[in-house]
């Protein structure tokens, strides 16, 4: 089922066209996505929902350029990323996608500021410029007083906010979030969802979020339900 809670919207920034994806497990081929079509407009906040094994994380990974489809086209801001070689795809991801994962994926030996700086190492910036960009991102997520703290010194919610700062520091085309509240208590989850909503509403960030939590999905403007590799339109 698809619930569209947005009004008249601009042209798609993401176009998923007839995407198929399967994986091999031994001699068995497991079909994960079967002929998926999806258009996401710039500035939208989309939630992908569905039971375990429905294909929602696989679809998110394909849109983010982490994985490749077996068939179909996938255009992001006019670029067909299915046609990019591995090196070009890696460069494309670094410039266009900010990642937020369930378990934060912060490096424990780096401070919050240093973790946020990491994506900027691929940019032609001075150390001072990287620090300035990272500080701005941390201020945006409300952690300007925790910049020199290490992950072990931060709560789960604070670690996820560092991860969001890292995701937005390059000003990406897309923010992709895979169960961003799945490892958080209710209070921290509410704060993280409010931050994502702020990034969408105030900064027009395009966000695609996988979640199993209906309360998290309520923050999205558009909800798509996957079941056994297809959208459930019933």
Protein backbone atom coordinates (compact mmCIF):
# COMPACT_ATOMS: atom_id res chain seq x y z
CA UNK A 1 0.00 0.00 0.00
CA UNK A 2 1.20 3.51 -0.81
CA UNK A 3 0.12 6.49 1.26
CA UNK A 4 0.92 9.83 -0.36
CA UNK A 5 0.66 12.63 2.16
CA UNK A 6 2.31 15.28 0.01
CA UNK A 7 0.60 17.79 -2.27
CA UNK A 8 1.66 18.80 -5.79
CA UNK A 9 5.38 18.05 -5.98
CA UNK A 10 8.39 18.81 -8.22
CA UNK A 11 9.82 16.31 -10.76
CA UNK A 12 11.47 13.10 -9.47
CA UNK A 13 15.05 13.23 -8.22
CA UNK A 14 15.03 9.43 -7.90
CA UNK A 15 13.54 7.20 -10.59
CA UNK A 16 13.49 3.44 -10.04
CA UNK A 17 12.47 1.72 -13.27
CA UNK A 18 11.55 -1.98 -13.46
CA UNK A 19 14.20 -3.09 -10.97
CA UNK A 20 14.86 -6.76 -10.31
CA UNK A 21 17.29 -8.11 -7.73
CA UNK A 22 18.05 -11.64 -6.57
CA UNK A 23 20.77 -13.31 -4.52
CA UNK A 24 22.26 -16.77 -4.62
CA UNK A 25 22.35 -18.92 -1.50
CA UNK A 26 24.26 -22.03 -2.46
CA UNK A 27 22.48 -23.46 -5.48
CA UNK A 28 19.27 -21.58 -4.68
CA UNK A 29 18.37 -18.22 -6.26
CA UNK A 30 16.31 -15.98 -4.01
CA UNK A 31 14.28 -13.26 -5.68
CA UNK A 32 14.26 -10.10 -3.53
CA UNK A 33 12.83 -7.37 -5.79
CA UNK A 34 10.54 -8.06 -8.73
CA UNK A 35 9.86 -5.26 -11.21
CA UNK A 36 9.94 -2.35 -8.76
CA UNK A 37 9.01 1.13 -10.02
CA UNK A 38 9.24 4.21 -7.82
CA UNK A 39 9.58 7.96 -8.30
CA UNK A 40 10.76 10.19 -5.45
CA UNK A 41 10.54 13.96 -5.75
CA UNK A 42 13.25 16.33 -4.57
CA UNK A 43 12.68 17.42 -0.99
CA UNK A 44 10.48 14.43 -0.21
CA UNK A 45 10.66 12.30 2.93
CA UNK A 46 9.87 8.70 2.01
CA UNK A 47 9.45 5.74 4.35
CA UNK A 48 9.91 2.18 3.10
CA UNK A 49 8.05 -0.34 5.26
CA UNK A 50 7.41 -4.06 5.14
CA UNK A 51 8.09 -7.33 6.94
CA UNK A 52 11.56 -8.79 7.30
CA UNK A 53 12.73 -10.09 3.92
CA UNK A 54 10.35 -7.87 1.95
CA UNK A 55 13.20 -6.15 0.09
CA UNK A 56 13.06 -2.69 1.66
CA UNK A 57 16.74 -2.55 2.70
CA UNK A 58 17.80 -4.02 -0.64
CA UNK A 59 15.88 -1.26 -2.43
CA UNK A 60 17.48 1.38 -0.20
CA UNK A 61 20.95 -0.03 -0.93
CA UNK A 62 20.30 0.02 -4.68
CA UNK A 63 19.16 3.66 -4.58
CA UNK A 64 22.26 4.55 -2.53
CA UNK A 65 24.60 2.81 -4.98
CA UNK A 66 25.78 0.27 -2.38
CA UNK A 67 24.46 -2.61 -4.46
CA UNK A 68 23.55 -3.14 -8.12
CA UNK A 69 20.30 -4.44 -9.62
CA UNK A 70 20.13 -7.45 -11.94
CA UNK A 71 17.82 -5.59 -14.32
CA UNK A 72 16.30 -2.13 -14.69
CA UNK A 73 17.40 1.50 -14.50
CA UNK A 74 18.02 3.68 -11.50
CA UNK A 75 18.38 7.41 -12.06
CA UNK A 76 19.37 9.87 -9.34
CA UNK A 77 19.41 13.56 -10.30
CA UNK A 78 19.54 12.49 -13.95
CA UNK A 79 22.46 10.04 -13.61
CA UNK A 80 21.79 6.37 -14.36
CA UNK A 81 23.92 4.90 -11.58
CA UNK A 82 23.46 1.36 -12.93
CA UNK A 83 25.80 2.33 -15.79
CA UNK A 84 28.65 3.61 -13.61
CA UNK A 85 31.85 1.60 -13.10
CA UNK A 86 32.94 0.74 -9.56
CA UNK A 87 35.31 3.70 -9.17
CA UNK A 88 32.83 6.21 -10.59
CA UNK A 89 30.07 4.73 -8.44
CA UNK A 90 32.22 5.13 -5.32
CA UNK A 91 32.87 8.77 -6.24
CA UNK A 92 29.17 9.29 -6.92
CA UNK A 93 28.24 7.89 -3.49
CA UNK A 94 30.80 10.13 -1.77
CA UNK A 95 29.31 13.24 -3.36
CA UNK A 96 25.59 12.45 -3.45
CA UNK A 97 24.62 10.15 -0.57
CA UNK A 98 24.66 10.61 3.19
CA UNK A 99 24.24 7.38 5.16
CA UNK A 100 22.55 6.87 8.54
CA UNK A 101 22.63 3.31 9.88
CA UNK A 102 20.89 1.59 12.80
CA UNK A 103 24.12 1.00 14.73
CA UNK A 104 25.73 4.42 14.02
CA UNK A 105 28.96 3.02 12.46
CA UNK A 106 31.14 5.56 14.26
CA UNK A 107 34.85 4.89 14.63
CA UNK A 108 35.50 4.49 18.39
CA UNK A 109 39.05 5.90 18.24
CA UNK A 110 37.86 9.19 16.72
CA UNK A 111 36.05 12.07 18.42
CA UNK A 112 32.63 13.21 17.26
CA UNK A 113 34.25 16.00 15.25
CA UNK A 114 36.74 13.61 13.62
CA UNK A 115 33.98 11.13 12.73
CA UNK A 116 31.98 13.88 11.03
CA UNK A 117 35.07 15.03 9.14
CA UNK A 118 35.66 11.63 7.54
CA UNK A 119 33.54 12.12 4.37
CA UNK A 120 35.31 15.44 3.76
CA UNK A 121 38.69 13.74 3.39
CA UNK A 122 37.65 12.93 -0.18
CA UNK A 123 37.05 16.61 -0.91
CA UNK A 124 39.57 19.25 -1.94
CA UNK A 125 39.43 21.10 1.38
CA UNK A 126 42.02 22.34 3.85
CA UNK A 127 42.06 20.94 7.39
CA UNK A 128 40.61 24.23 8.64
CA UNK A 129 37.76 24.07 6.10
CA UNK A 130 36.99 20.47 7.06
CA UNK A 131 36.81 21.47 10.72
CA UNK A 132 34.52 24.39 9.94
CA UNK A 133 32.15 22.21 7.89
CA UNK A 134 32.10 19.52 10.59
CA UNK A 135 31.45 22.05 13.35
CA UNK A 136 28.51 23.51 11.42
CA UNK A 137 27.02 20.04 10.95
CA UNK A 138 27.41 19.23 14.65
CA UNK A 139 25.85 22.55 15.62
CA UNK A 140 22.91 21.74 13.36
CA UNK A 141 22.26 18.49 15.22
CA UNK A 142 22.68 20.19 18.61
CA UNK A 143 26.03 18.65 19.61
CA UNK A 144 28.36 21.65 19.52
CA UNK A 145 29.23 20.93 23.18
CA UNK A 146 30.17 17.29 22.44
CA UNK A 147 32.57 17.72 19.52
CA UNK A 148 35.60 16.31 21.36
CA UNK A 149 33.76 13.43 23.02
CA UNK A 150 34.38 9.89 21.82
CA UNK A 151 31.49 7.57 20.92
CA UNK A 152 31.82 5.67 24.23
CA UNK A 153 31.22 8.98 26.04
CA UNK A 154 27.95 9.63 24.19
CA UNK A 155 24.47 8.19 24.61
CA UNK A 156 22.90 6.18 21.80
CA UNK A 157 20.83 9.16 20.71
CA UNK A 158 23.88 11.43 20.69
CA UNK A 159 25.84 8.89 18.66
CA UNK A 160 23.05 8.75 16.10
CA UNK A 161 23.04 12.55 15.91
CA UNK A 162 26.80 12.45 15.22
CA UNK A 163 26.03 9.94 12.47
CA UNK A 164 23.42 12.32 11.01
CA UNK A 165 25.93 15.18 11.14
CA UNK A 166 28.37 12.96 9.24
CA UNK A 167 25.64 12.19 6.69
CA UNK A 168 24.84 15.85 5.99
CA UNK A 169 28.34 17.37 6.17
CA UNK A 170 28.91 16.99 2.41
CA UNK A 171 25.47 18.49 1.58
CA UNK A 172 24.41 15.29 -0.23
CA UNK A 173 21.65 14.91 -2.81
CA UNK A 174 20.05 12.13 -0.72
CA UNK A 175 20.03 11.06 2.90
CA UNK A 176 19.37 7.32 3.24
CA UNK A 177 18.51 5.99 6.68
CA UNK A 178 18.25 2.29 7.49
CA UNK A 179 16.26 1.76 10.71
CA UNK A 180 17.75 4.95 12.24
CA UNK A 181 15.74 4.54 15.46
CA UNK A 182 15.96 0.75 15.71
CA UNK A 183 18.59 0.76 18.48
CA UNK A 184 17.30 3.76 20.44
CA UNK A 185 15.02 4.23 23.43
CA UNK A 186 11.73 6.05 22.88
CA UNK A 187 13.02 9.49 23.93
CA UNK A 188 16.16 9.31 21.78
CA UNK A 189 14.15 7.94 18.84
CA UNK A 190 11.76 10.89 19.08
CA UNK A 191 14.68 13.35 19.05
CA UNK A 192 16.33 11.69 16.03
CA UNK A 193 13.05 11.63 14.08
CA UNK A 194 12.46 15.29 14.90
CA UNK A 195 15.93 16.07 13.56
CA UNK A 196 15.28 14.19 10.30
CA UNK A 197 11.96 16.00 9.98
CA UNK A 198 13.74 19.33 10.50
CA UNK A 199 16.33 18.52 7.82
CA UNK A 200 13.50 17.73 5.43
CA UNK A 201 11.23 20.65 6.22
CA UNK A 202 13.71 23.45 6.87
CA UNK A 203 16.56 22.41 4.56
CA UNK A 204 14.56 20.54 1.89
CA UNK A 205 16.72 17.43 2.25
CA UNK A 206 15.48 14.40 0.33
CA UNK A 207 15.30 11.51 2.82
CA UNK A 208 14.61 7.83 2.19
CA UNK A 209 14.13 5.85 5.38
CA UNK A 210 13.65 2.13 5.99
CA UNK A 211 11.68 1.50 9.17
CA UNK A 212 9.46 -1.09 10.80
CA UNK A 213 8.09 1.46 13.27
CA UNK A 214 4.75 3.08 12.28
CA UNK A 215 5.53 6.02 14.60
CA UNK A 216 8.74 6.70 12.69
CA UNK A 217 6.96 6.36 9.35
CA UNK A 218 4.44 9.01 10.43
CA UNK A 219 7.21 11.62 10.07
CA UNK A 220 7.48 10.83 6.34
CA UNK A 221 5.43 12.57 3.67
CA UNK A 222 5.07 9.37 1.68
CA UNK A 223 4.97 5.72 2.77
CA UNK A 224 5.57 2.69 0.54
CA UNK A 225 4.85 -0.83 1.75
CA UNK A 226 6.89 -3.69 0.30
CA UNK A 227 5.88 -7.33 0.54
CA UNK A 228 7.77 -10.23 -1.06
CA UNK A 229 9.65 -7.94 -3.43
CA UNK A 230 6.72 -5.91 -4.76
CA UNK A 231 4.79 -2.89 -3.57
CA UNK A 232 1.61 -3.86 -1.76
CA UNK A 233 -1.10 -1.65 -3.23
CA UNK A 234 -4.01 -3.36 -1.55
